[in-house]
Amino acid sequence: MDDYNIIRSRLSRKITREGTTLEVLIYRVEGDEAWTLEAIDHEGASTVWDETFVTEQDALNEVFQTIASGGMSGFVRDHIQRLH
C-alpha cells in the first residue's frame, strides 16, 4: 500500500453560521497541484466536492458560495454526500 503525504492548506478552518459549525478542510497530495475541498459537520458527516480546485483560495471561495446560496443546512446530513 502506498503512503501519501497530505498537505493541508492554511485556509482550512471552522465556519459557524446558523448555529452550525463546519470544519472545512482544503488539502492535496504532495506532488499534486489540485486542491480537494471537504466539509465535516458536527456529527462527523463529510461532504467532499467531486471537482478539485486550482488554488486553495478557489476551494475556500466555493464553500462560502455554497453557504451563501444554500445555507448551512445543506451540509447537515445523516449520510456521507458528494457535491458537484
PDB file of N, CA and C in Angstrom:
ATOM      1  N   MET A   1       0.853  -1.187   0.000  1.00  0.00           N
ATOM      2  CA  MET A   1       0.000   0.000   0.000  1.00  0.00           C
ATOM      3  C   MET A   1       0.890   1.238   0.000  1.00  0.00           C
ATOM      4  N   ASP A   2       0.553   2.190  -0.850  1.00  0.00           N
ATOM      5  CA  ASP A   2       1.326   3.421  -0.940  1.00  0.00           C
ATOM      6  C   ASP A   2       0.931   4.376   0.173  1.00  0.00           C
ATOM      7  N   ASP A   3       1.935   5.060   0.708  1.00  0.00           N
ATOM      8  CA  ASP A   3       1.679   6.122   1.680  1.00  0.00           C
ATOM      9  C   ASP A   3       1.792   7.456   0.962  1.00  0.00           C
ATOM     10  N   TYR A   4       0.849   8.330   1.225  1.00  0.00           N
ATOM     11  CA  TYR A   4       0.840   9.645   0.602  1.00  0.00           C
ATOM     12  C   TYR A   4       0.989  10.707   1.672  1.00  0.00           C
ATOM     13  N   ASN A   5       1.778  11.725   1.354  1.00  0.00           N
ATOM     14  CA  ASN A   5       1.919  12.858   2.250  1.00  0.00           C
ATOM     15  C   ASN A   5       0.839  13.880   1.887  1.00  0.00           C
ATOM     16  N   ILE A   6      -0.063  14.137   2.815  1.00  0.00           N
ATOM     17  CA  ILE A   6      -1.160  15.080   2.590  1.00  0.00           C
ATOM     18  C   ILE A   6      -0.735  16.466   3.066  1.00  0.00           C
ATOM     19  N   ILE A   7      -0.892  17.443   2.192  1.00  0.00           N
ATOM     20  CA  ILE A   7      -0.596  18.837   2.506  1.00  0.00           C
ATOM     21  C   ILE A   7      -1.918  19.526   2.844  1.00  0.00           C
ATOM     22  N   ARG A   8      -2.033  20.013   4.066  1.00  0.00           N
ATOM     23  CA  ARG A   8      -3.254  20.714   4.486  1.00  0.00           C
ATOM     24  C   ARG A   8      -3.062  22.217   4.292  1.00  0.00           C
ATOM     25  N   SER A   9      -4.039  22.844   3.676  1.00  0.00           N
ATOM     26  CA  SER A   9      -3.984  24.279   3.411  1.00  0.00           C
ATOM     27  C   SER A   9      -4.098  25.088   4.696  1.00  0.00           C
ATOM     28  N   ARG A  10      -3.401  26.193   4.713  1.00  0.00           N
ATOM     29  CA  ARG A  10      -3.516  27.139   5.828  1.00  0.00           C
ATOM     30  C   ARG A  10      -4.896  27.799   5.841  1.00  0.00           C
ATOM     31  N   LEU A  11      -5.653  27.654   4.750  1.00  0.00           N
ATOM     32  CA  LEU A  11      -7.003  28.220   4.672  1.00  0.00           C
ATOM     33  C   LEU A  11      -8.069  27.296   5.254  1.00  0.00           C
ATOM     34  N   SER A  12      -7.694  26.083   5.638  1.00  0.00           N
ATOM     35  CA  SER A  12      -8.637  25.192   6.328  1.00  0.00           C
ATOM     36  C   SER A  12      -9.064  25.872   7.615  1.00  0.00           C
ATOM     37  N   ARG A  13     -10.327  25.701   7.993  1.00  0.00           N
ATOM     38  CA  ARG A  13     -10.844  26.424   9.163  1.00  0.00           C
ATOM     39  C   ARG A  13     -12.191  25.873   9.591  1.00  0.00           C
ATOM     40  N   LYS A  14     -12.668  26.364  10.721  1.00  0.00           N
ATOM     41  CA  LYS A  14     -14.031  26.094  11.165  1.00  0.00           C
ATOM     42  C   LYS A  14     -14.873  27.315  10.837  1.00  0.00           C
ATOM     43  N   ILE A  15     -16.071  27.055  10.333  1.00  0.00           N
ATOM     44  CA  ILE A  15     -17.010  28.120   9.995  1.00  0.00           C
ATOM     45  C   ILE A  15     -18.303  27.853  10.753  1.00  0.00           C
ATOM     46  N   THR A  16     -18.788  28.860  11.477  1.00  0.00           N
ATOM     47  CA  THR A  16     -20.043  28.724  12.214  1.00  0.00           C
ATOM     48  C   THR A  16     -21.047  29.735  11.678  1.00  0.00           C
ATOM     49  N   ARG A  17     -22.196  29.222  11.272  1.00  0.00           N
ATOM     50  CA  ARG A  17     -23.320  30.033  10.803  1.00  0.00           C
ATOM     51  C   ARG A  17     -24.591  29.313  11.228  1.00  0.00           C
ATOM     52  N   GLU A  18     -25.641  30.064  11.478  1.00  0.00           N
ATOM     53  CA  GLU A  18     -26.956  29.487  11.763  1.00  0.00           C
ATOM     54  C   GLU A  18     -26.892  28.438  12.880  1.00  0.00           C
ATOM     55  N   GLY A  19     -25.969  28.613  13.815  1.00  0.00           N
ATOM     56  CA  GLY A  19     -25.840  27.677  14.926  1.00  0.00           C
ATOM     57  C   GLY A  19     -25.179  26.356  14.577  1.00  0.00           C
ATOM     58  N   THR A  20     -24.644  26.250  13.367  1.00  0.00           N
ATOM     59  CA  THR A  20     -23.986  25.029  12.905  1.00  0.00           C
ATOM     60  C   THR A  20     -22.526  25.327  12.604  1.00  0.00           C
ATOM     61  N   THR A  21     -21.652  24.432  13.037  1.00  0.00           N
ATOM     62  CA  THR A  21     -20.227  24.584  12.761  1.00  0.00           C
ATOM     63  C   THR A  21     -19.776  23.508  11.787  1.00  0.00           C
ATOM     64  N   LEU A  22     -19.044  23.938  10.774  1.00  0.00           N
ATOM     65  CA  LEU A  22     -18.419  23.033   9.815  1.00  0.00           C
ATOM     66  C   LEU A  22     -16.918  23.124   9.969  1.00  0.00           C
ATOM     67  N   GLU A  23     -16.258  21.994   9.873  1.00  0.00           N
ATOM     68  CA  GLU A  23     -14.808  22.008   9.743  1.00  0.00           C
ATOM     69  C   GLU A  23     -14.527  21.910   8.256  1.00  0.00           C
ATOM     70  N   VAL A  24     -13.913  22.935   7.704  1.00  0.00           N
ATOM     71  CA  VAL A  24     -13.605  22.987   6.280  1.00  0.00           C
ATOM     72  C   VAL A  24     -12.150  22.586   6.097  1.00  0.00           C
ATOM     73  N   LEU A  25     -11.957  21.506   5.340  1.00  0.00           N
ATOM     74  CA  LEU A  25     -10.614  21.009   5.067  1.00  0.00           C
ATOM     75  C   LEU A  25     -10.296  21.228   3.598  1.00  0.00           C
ATOM     76  N   ILE A  26      -9.161  21.834   3.352  1.00  0.00           N
ATOM     77  CA  ILE A  26      -8.654  22.033   1.999  1.00  0.00           C
ATOM     78  C   ILE A  26      -7.286  21.363   1.992  1.00  0.00           C
ATOM     79  N   TYR A  27      -7.105  20.395   1.092  1.00  0.00           N
ATOM     80  CA  TYR A  27      -5.860  19.625   1.122  1.00  0.00           C
ATOM     81  C   TYR A  27      -5.527  19.077  -0.264  1.00  0.00           C
ATOM     82  N   ARG A  28      -4.285  18.630  -0.393  1.00  0.00           N
ATOM     83  CA  ARG A  28      -3.830  17.995  -1.629  1.00  0.00           C
ATOM     84  C   ARG A  28      -2.763  16.966  -1.277  1.00  0.00           C
ATOM     85  N   VAL A  29      -2.531  16.064  -2.194  1.00  0.00           N
ATOM     86  CA  VAL A  29      -1.454  15.099  -2.039  1.00  0.00           C
ATOM     87  C   VAL A  29      -0.168  15.780  -2.490  1.00  0.00           C
ATOM     88  N   GLU A  30       0.902  15.604  -1.726  1.00  0.00           N
ATOM     89  CA  GLU A  30       2.190  16.186  -2.092  1.00  0.00           C
ATOM     90  C   GLU A  30       2.558  15.755  -3.509  1.00  0.00           C
ATOM     91  N   GLY A  31       2.953  16.718  -4.328  1.00  0.00           N
ATOM     92  CA  GLY A  31       3.302  16.458  -5.716  1.00  0.00           C
ATOM     93  C   GLY A  31       2.142  16.669  -6.676  1.00  0.00           C
ATOM     94  N   ASP A  32       0.933  16.762  -6.164  1.00  0.00           N
ATOM     95  CA  ASP A  32      -0.255  17.026  -6.968  1.00  0.00           C
ATOM     96  C   ASP A  32      -0.595  18.501  -6.809  1.00  0.00           C
ATOM     97  N   GLU A  33      -1.024  19.122  -7.870  1.00  0.00           N
ATOM     98  CA  GLU A  33      -1.325  20.555  -7.818  1.00  0.00           C
ATOM     99  C   GLU A  33      -2.770  20.852  -7.434  1.00  0.00           C
ATOM    100  N   ALA A  34      -3.674  19.895  -7.601  1.00  0.00           N
ATOM    101  CA  ALA A  34      -5.103  20.126  -7.379  1.00  0.00           C
ATOM    102  C   ALA A  34      -5.452  20.040  -5.895  1.00  0.00           C
ATOM    103  N   TRP A  35      -6.305  20.953  -5.453  1.00  0.00           N
ATOM    104  CA  TRP A  35      -6.767  21.005  -4.064  1.00  0.00           C
ATOM    105  C   TRP A  35      -8.139  20.355  -3.951  1.00  0.00           C
ATOM    106  N   THR A  36      -8.350  19.603  -2.887  1.00  0.00           N
ATOM    107  CA  THR A  36      -9.619  18.956  -2.581  1.00  0.00           C
ATOM    108  C   THR A  36     -10.312  19.746  -1.477  1.00  0.00           C
ATOM    109  N   LEU A  37     -11.631  19.832  -1.570  1.00  0.00           N
ATOM    110  CA  LEU A  37     -12.435  20.538  -0.577  1.00  0.00           C
ATOM    111  C   LEU A  37     -13.350  19.542   0.120  1.00  0.00           C
ATOM    112  N   GLU A  38     -13.339  19.587   1.449  1.00  0.00           N
ATOM    113  CA  GLU A  38     -14.183  18.714   2.264  1.00  0.00           C
ATOM    114  C   GLU A  38     -14.745  19.525   3.422  1.00  0.00           C
ATOM    115  N   ALA A  39     -16.018  19.314   3.722  1.00  0.00           N
ATOM    116  CA  ALA A  39     -16.658  19.958   4.872  1.00  0.00           C
ATOM    117  C   ALA A  39     -17.216  18.861   5.771  1.00  0.00           C
ATOM    118  N   ILE A  40     -16.926  18.960   7.066  1.00  0.00           N
ATOM    119  CA  ILE A  40     -17.364  17.957   8.033  1.00  0.00           C
ATOM    120  C   ILE A  40     -18.280  18.636   9.048  1.00  0.00           C
ATOM    121  N   ASP A  41     -19.494  18.079   9.217  1.00  0.00           N
ATOM    122  CA  ASP A  41     -20.438  18.687  10.151  1.00  0.00           C
ATOM    123  C   ASP A  41     -20.197  18.210  11.579  1.00  0.00           C
ATOM    124  N   HIS A  42     -21.023  18.688  12.503  1.00  0.00           N
ATOM    125  CA  HIS A  42     -20.855  18.409  13.932  1.00  0.00           C
ATOM    126  C   HIS A  42     -21.029  16.932  14.286  1.00  0.00           C
ATOM    127  N   GLU A  43     -21.639  16.156  13.392  1.00  0.00           N
ATOM    128  CA  GLU A  43     -21.809  14.724  13.639  1.00  0.00           C
ATOM    129  C   GLU A  43     -20.757  13.888  12.922  1.00  0.00           C
ATOM    130  N   GLY A  44     -19.845  14.561  12.232  1.00  0.00           N
ATOM    131  CA  GLY A  44     -18.788  13.851  11.522  1.00  0.00           C
ATOM    132  C   GLY A  44     -19.130  13.462  10.097  1.00  0.00           C
ATOM    133  N   ALA A  45     -20.316  13.870   9.609  1.00  0.00           N
ATOM    134  CA  ALA A  45     -20.691  13.590   8.226  1.00  0.00           C
ATOM    135  C   ALA A  45     -19.846  14.458   7.297  1.00  0.00           C
ATOM    136  N   SER A  46     -19.375  13.862   6.229  1.00  0.00           N
ATOM    137  CA  SER A  46     -18.436  14.513   5.327  1.00  0.00           C
ATOM    138  C   SER A  46     -19.083  14.830   3.986  1.00  0.00           C
ATOM    139  N   THR A  47     -18.843  16.044   3.500  1.00  0.00           N
ATOM    140  CA  THR A  47     -19.215  16.454   2.150  1.00  0.00           C
ATOM    141  C   THR A  47     -17.915  16.719   1.409  1.00  0.00           C
ATOM    142  N   VAL A  48     -17.685  15.967   0.331  1.00  0.00           N
ATOM    143  CA  VAL A  48     -16.466  16.125  -0.464  1.00  0.00           C
ATOM    144  C   VAL A  48     -16.879  16.524  -1.875  1.00  0.00           C
ATOM    145  N   TRP A  49     -16.286  17.580  -2.389  1.00  0.00           N
ATOM    146  CA  TRP A  49     -16.565  18.019  -3.747  1.00  0.00           C
ATOM    147  C   TRP A  49     -15.892  17.065  -4.725  1.00  0.00           C
ATOM    148  N   ASP A  50     -16.606  16.695  -5.792  1.00  0.00           N
ATOM    149  CA  ASP A  50     -16.026  15.853  -6.843  1.00  0.00           C
ATOM    150  C   ASP A  50     -14.945  16.601  -7.611  1.00  0.00           C
ATOM    151  N   GLU A  51     -15.205  17.873  -7.868  1.00  0.00           N
ATOM    152  CA  GLU A  51     -14.226  18.669  -8.598  1.00  0.00           C
ATOM    153  C   GLU A  51     -13.084  19.066  -7.665  1.00  0.00           C
ATOM    154  N   THR A  52     -11.920  19.272  -8.241  1.00  0.00           N
ATOM    155  CA  THR A  52     -10.789  19.799  -7.478  1.00  0.00           C
ATOM    156  C   THR A  52     -10.586  21.252  -7.893  1.00  0.00           C
ATOM    157  N   PHE A  53      -9.703  21.934  -7.184  1.00  0.00           N
ATOM    158  CA  PHE A  53      -9.530  23.371  -7.375  1.00  0.00           C
ATOM    159  C   PHE A  53      -8.077  23.698  -7.676  1.00  0.00           C
ATOM    160  N   VAL A  54      -7.884  24.686  -8.541  1.00  0.00           N
ATOM    161  CA  VAL A  54      -6.535  25.097  -8.935  1.00  0.00           C
ATOM    162  C   VAL A  54      -5.793  25.702  -7.755  1.00  0.00           C
ATOM    163  N   THR A  55      -6.501  26.516  -6.968  1.00  0.00           N
ATOM    164  CA  THR A  55      -5.865  27.143  -5.806  1.00  0.00           C
ATOM    165  C   THR A  55      -6.675  26.844  -4.547  1.00  0.00           C
ATOM    166  N   GLU A  56      -6.011  26.950  -3.419  1.00  0.00           N
ATOM    167  CA  GLU A  56      -6.705  26.755  -2.149  1.00  0.00           C
ATOM    168  C   GLU A  56      -7.734  27.859  -1.920  1.00  0.00           C
ATOM    169  N   GLN A  57      -7.466  29.059  -2.417  1.00  0.00           N
ATOM    170  CA  GLN A  57      -8.429  30.158  -2.298  1.00  0.00           C
ATOM    171  C   GLN A  57      -9.690  29.863  -3.106  1.00  0.00           C
ATOM    172  N   ASP A  58      -9.534  29.257  -4.290  1.00  0.00           N
ATOM    173  CA  ASP A  58     -10.704  28.858  -5.081  1.00  0.00           C
ATOM    174  C   ASP A  58     -11.585  27.896  -4.291  1.00  0.00           C
ATOM    175  N   ALA A  59     -10.963  26.960  -3.586  1.00  0.00           N
ATOM    176  CA  ALA A  59     -11.718  25.991  -2.773  1.00  0.00           C
ATOM    177  C   ALA A  59     -12.466  26.699  -1.648  1.00  0.00           C
ATOM    178  N   LEU A  60     -11.799  27.604  -0.965  1.00  0.00           N
ATOM    179  CA  LEU A  60     -12.450  28.338   0.125  1.00  0.00           C
ATOM    180  C   LEU A  60     -13.594  29.195  -0.410  1.00  0.00           C
ATOM    181  N   ASN A  61     -13.375  29.850  -1.545  1.00  0.00           N
ATOM    182  CA  ASN A  61     -14.444  30.648  -2.159  1.00  0.00           C
ATOM    183  C   ASN A  61     -15.661  29.780  -2.469  1.00  0.00           C
ATOM    184  N   GLU A  62     -15.431  28.569  -2.940  1.00  0.00           N
ATOM    185  CA  GLU A  62     -16.532  27.655  -3.266  1.00  0.00           C
ATOM    186  C   GLU A  62     -17.376  27.329  -2.044  1.00  0.00           C
ATOM    187  N   VAL A  63     -16.742  27.056  -0.918  1.00  0.00           N
ATOM    188  CA  VAL A  63     -17.525  26.721   0.276  1.00  0.00           C
ATOM    189  C   VAL A  63     -18.339  27.936   0.736  1.00  0.00           C
ATOM    190  N   PHE A  64     -17.761  29.125   0.662  1.00  0.00           N
ATOM    191  CA  PHE A  64     -18.522  30.321   1.035  1.00  0.00           C
ATOM    192  C   PHE A  64     -19.684  30.562   0.065  1.00  0.00           C
ATOM    193  N   GLN A  65     -19.478  30.315  -1.230  1.00  0.00           N
ATOM    194  CA  GLN A  65     -20.564  30.467  -2.207  1.00  0.00           C
ATOM    195  C   GLN A  65     -21.669  29.446  -1.954  1.00  0.00           C
ATOM    196  N   THR A  66     -21.284  28.232  -1.600  1.00  0.00           N
ATOM    197  CA  THR A  66     -22.263  27.188  -1.306  1.00  0.00           C
ATOM    198  C   THR A  66     -23.093  27.557  -0.083  1.00  0.00           C
ATOM    199  N   ILE A  67     -22.438  28.089   0.939  1.00  0.00           N
ATOM    200  CA  ILE A  67     -23.157  28.531   2.141  1.00  0.00           C
ATOM    201  C   ILE A  67     -24.092  29.690   1.802  1.00  0.00           C
ATOM    202  N   ALA A  68     -23.610  30.645   1.002  1.00  0.00           N
ATOM    203  CA  ALA A  68     -24.429  31.806   0.643  1.00  0.00           C
ATOM    204  C   ALA A  68     -25.665  31.397  -0.151  1.00  0.00           C
ATOM    205  N   SER A  69     -25.543  30.403  -1.009  1.00  0.00           N
ATOM    206  CA  SER A  69     -26.681  30.023  -1.848  1.00  0.00           C
ATOM    207  C   SER A  69     -27.635  29.039  -1.179  1.00  0.00           C
ATOM    208  N   GLY A  70     -27.126  28.194  -0.287  1.00  0.00           N
ATOM    209  CA  GLY A  70     -27.992  27.170   0.289  1.00  0.00           C
ATOM    210  C   GLY A  70     -28.042  27.126   1.796  1.00  0.00           C
ATOM    211  N   GLY A  71     -27.244  27.965   2.438  1.00  0.00           N
ATOM    212  CA  GLY A  71     -27.209  27.954   3.896  1.00  0.00           C
ATOM    213  C   GLY A  71     -26.437  26.764   4.438  1.00  0.00           C
ATOM    214  N   MET A  72     -26.302  26.728   5.735  1.00  0.00           N
ATOM    215  CA  MET A  72     -25.556  25.663   6.401  1.00  0.00           C
ATOM    216  C   MET A  72     -26.345  24.360   6.444  1.00  0.00           C
ATOM    217  N   SER A  73     -27.663  24.458   6.364  1.00  0.00           N
ATOM    218  CA  SER A  73     -28.478  23.246   6.477  1.00  0.00           C
ATOM    219  C   SER A  73     -28.180  22.251   5.361  1.00  0.00           C
ATOM    220  N   GLY A  74     -27.665  22.728   4.247  1.00  0.00           N
ATOM    221  CA  GLY A  74     -27.303  21.840   3.153  1.00  0.00           C
ATOM    222  C   GLY A  74     -26.167  20.900   3.490  1.00  0.00           C
ATOM    223  N   PHE A  75     -25.412  21.217   4.513  1.00  0.00           N
ATOM    224  CA  PHE A  75     -24.293  20.371   4.909  1.00  0.00           C
ATOM    225  C   PHE A  75     -24.656  19.362   5.987  1.00  0.00           C
ATOM    226  N   VAL A  76     -25.738  19.595   6.682  1.00  0.00           N
ATOM    227  CA  VAL A  76     -26.093  18.727   7.802  1.00  0.00           C
ATOM    228  C   VAL A  76     -26.917  17.560   7.265  1.00  0.00           C
ATOM    229  N   ARG A  77     -26.300  16.416   7.205  1.00  0.00           N
ATOM    230  CA  ARG A  77     -26.918  15.218   6.647  1.00  0.00           C
ATOM    231  C   ARG A  77     -26.642  14.028   7.551  1.00  0.00           C
ATOM    232  N   ASP A  78     -27.450  13.006   7.392  1.00  0.00           N
ATOM    233  CA  ASP A  78     -27.230  11.765   8.123  1.00  0.00           C
ATOM    234  C   ASP A  78     -26.260  10.841   7.392  1.00  0.00           C
ATOM    235  N   HIS A  79     -25.984  11.140   6.136  1.00  0.00           N
ATOM    236  CA  HIS A  79     -25.150  10.260   5.322  1.00  0.00           C
ATOM    237  C   HIS A  79     -24.024  11.061   4.687  1.00  0.00           C
ATOM    238  N   ILE A  80     -22.975  10.356   4.296  1.00  0.00           N
ATOM    239  CA  ILE A  80     -21.901  10.988   3.532  1.00  0.00           C
ATOM    240  C   ILE A  80     -22.474  11.372   2.178  1.00  0.00           C
ATOM    241  N   GLN A  81     -22.113  12.558   1.716  1.00  0.00           N
ATOM    242  CA  GLN A  81     -22.616  13.024   0.436  1.00  0.00           C
ATOM    243  C   GLN A  81     -21.479  13.603  -0.387  1.00  0.00           C
ATOM    244  N   ARG A  82     -21.716  13.727  -1.678  1.00  0.00           N
ATOM    245  CA  ARG A  82     -20.747  14.338  -2.565  1.00  0.00           C
ATOM    246  C   ARG A  82     -21.459  15.439  -3.341  1.00  0.00           C
ATOM    247  N   LEU A  83     -20.785  16.561  -3.495  1.00  0.00           N
ATOM    248  CA  LEU A  83     -21.342  17.696  -4.224  1.00  0.00           C
ATOM    249  C   LEU A  83     -20.574  17.929  -5.509  1.00  0.00           C
ATOM    250  N   HIS A  84     -21.254  18.493  -6.475  1.00  0.00           N
ATOM    251  CA  HIS A  84     -20.689  18.947  -7.739  1.00  0.00           C
ATOM    252  C   HIS A  84     -20.068  17.772  -8.414  1.00  0.00           C
TER     253      HIS A  84
END
